[in-house]
């Protein structure tokens, strides 16, 4: 009985840690692309660069940043960069590329990750 209890508790702990790591990991993968992010740039600003497989910037891509207050939408410039300056909340709970979700972190507000207080640089590569 005691052994079963230990196994069940270990399983619950493992699942909890796996869930938490999935929520705070600074990357997200989809079959059509991947995204990674880190602190940097200007305080309170998100810079999102969208590139092809080789990393060349893609102009004209619609990028969406979602948060508790709605977020914002921008189109990439000639270098493939979209910039967000006036987001009302520091959390980023969703990133979309041409209306397709590439990153969703529904608990970003509570976990404070990812957030834009110290600036956020996002790199997206489309496959």
Foldseek 3Di string as FASTA:
>chain_A
DVVVVVVVVVVVVVVVVVVVCLQAPQKFDDPFKIKGKDFDDAFQKEKEAEEEPVRQGDWQKWKFWQDPVGGDIFTAHPRRITMDRDDPFFFTQFMDINNHTRGGRPCCVVVVHPTRRRHMYMYMYTD
